[in-house]
């Protein structure tokens, strides 16, 4: 969902992919950028063990933010 995704960004899956054992909301890290909107995403458990490594489209992902975002309405 974002054109701004880049290497090492933390993302969440926007759709269920049961054939891959992945479901909406699962969190992963971009570990490779193949094309502007194609990424290799690593999904790991809380102990750091990888349970899935899949090539996904930007439209299947949302960037997660760990800090407040600037409110664009304030700068208008």
Protein backbone atom coordinates (compact mmCIF):
# COMPACT_ATOMS: atom_id res chain seq x y z
CA UNK A 1 0.00 0.00 0.00
CA UNK A 2 2.98 2.27 0.07
CA UNK A 3 5.44 3.33 -2.61
CA UNK A 4 7.88 4.22 0.17
CA UNK A 5 8.73 0.68 1.29
CA UNK A 6 12.46 -0.03 1.56
CA UNK A 7 14.99 -2.53 2.85
CA UNK A 8 14.56 -3.44 6.55
CA UNK A 9 11.15 -1.80 6.89
CA UNK A 10 8.75 -3.60 9.23
CA UNK A 11 5.51 -4.39 7.45
CA UNK A 12 2.24 -6.22 8.04
CA UNK A 13 0.37 -8.41 5.62
CA UNK A 14 -2.91 -6.96 4.32
CA UNK A 15 -4.47 -10.20 3.08
CA UNK A 16 -4.73 -13.86 3.92
CA UNK A 17 -2.40 -16.15 1.97
CA UNK A 18 -3.42 -19.56 3.37
CA UNK A 19 -1.52 -21.41 0.64
CA UNK A 20 1.65 -19.89 2.15
CA UNK A 21 0.53 -20.30 5.76
CA UNK A 22 0.35 -16.51 6.17
CA UNK A 23 -2.59 -14.40 7.29
CA UNK A 24 -3.65 -10.76 7.45
CA UNK A 25 -1.84 -8.87 10.22
CA UNK A 26 1.27 -11.02 10.40
CA UNK A 27 4.39 -8.90 10.77
CA UNK A 28 7.56 -9.26 8.73
CA UNK A 29 10.70 -7.42 7.67
CA UNK A 30 11.69 -6.51 4.11
CA UNK A 31 15.01 -8.27 3.51
CA UNK A 32 15.35 -7.73 -0.25
CA UNK A 33 14.01 -5.31 -2.84
CA UNK A 34 13.63 -6.90 -6.28
CA UNK A 35 11.74 -4.16 -8.10
CA UNK A 36 10.18 -0.89 -6.93
CA UNK A 37 7.06 -2.72 -5.71
CA UNK A 38 8.32 -6.30 -5.20
CA UNK A 39 9.91 -7.38 -1.92
CA UNK A 40 11.25 -10.43 -0.15
CA UNK A 41 9.68 -10.41 3.32
CA UNK A 42 10.92 -12.49 6.23
CA UNK A 43 8.40 -13.51 8.87
CA UNK A 44 9.92 -14.51 12.22
CA UNK A 45 8.56 -15.57 15.59
CA UNK A 46 9.32 -13.72 18.84
CA UNK A 47 12.51 -15.76 19.27
CA UNK A 48 13.78 -14.66 15.85
CA UNK A 49 13.21 -17.99 14.10
CA UNK A 50 12.08 -17.52 10.50
CA UNK A 51 8.82 -19.30 9.70
CA UNK A 52 8.25 -17.85 6.22
CA UNK A 53 10.25 -16.04 3.54
CA UNK A 54 8.10 -14.88 0.65
CA UNK A 55 8.17 -12.55 -2.33
CA UNK A 56 5.29 -10.10 -2.02
CA UNK A 57 3.89 -7.06 -3.81
CA UNK A 58 3.69 -3.62 -2.17
CA UNK A 59 -0.11 -3.82 -2.51
CA UNK A 60 -0.08 -6.77 -0.08
CA UNK A 61 1.78 -4.87 2.63
CA UNK A 62 1.43 -1.90 4.94
CA UNK A 63 4.35 -0.11 6.54
CA UNK A 64 4.27 -0.15 10.34
CA UNK A 65 5.29 2.95 12.29
CA UNK A 66 6.84 2.91 15.76
CA UNK A 67 6.67 6.65 16.39
CA UNK A 68 4.14 9.44 15.92
CA UNK A 69 3.68 10.68 12.38
CA UNK A 70 3.52 14.37 11.50
CA UNK A 71 -0.05 15.48 10.96
CA UNK A 72 -0.15 16.77 7.36
CA UNK A 73 -3.24 18.87 8.24
CA UNK A 74 -1.07 21.04 10.51
CA UNK A 75 1.34 22.00 7.75
CA UNK A 76 -1.38 23.11 5.32
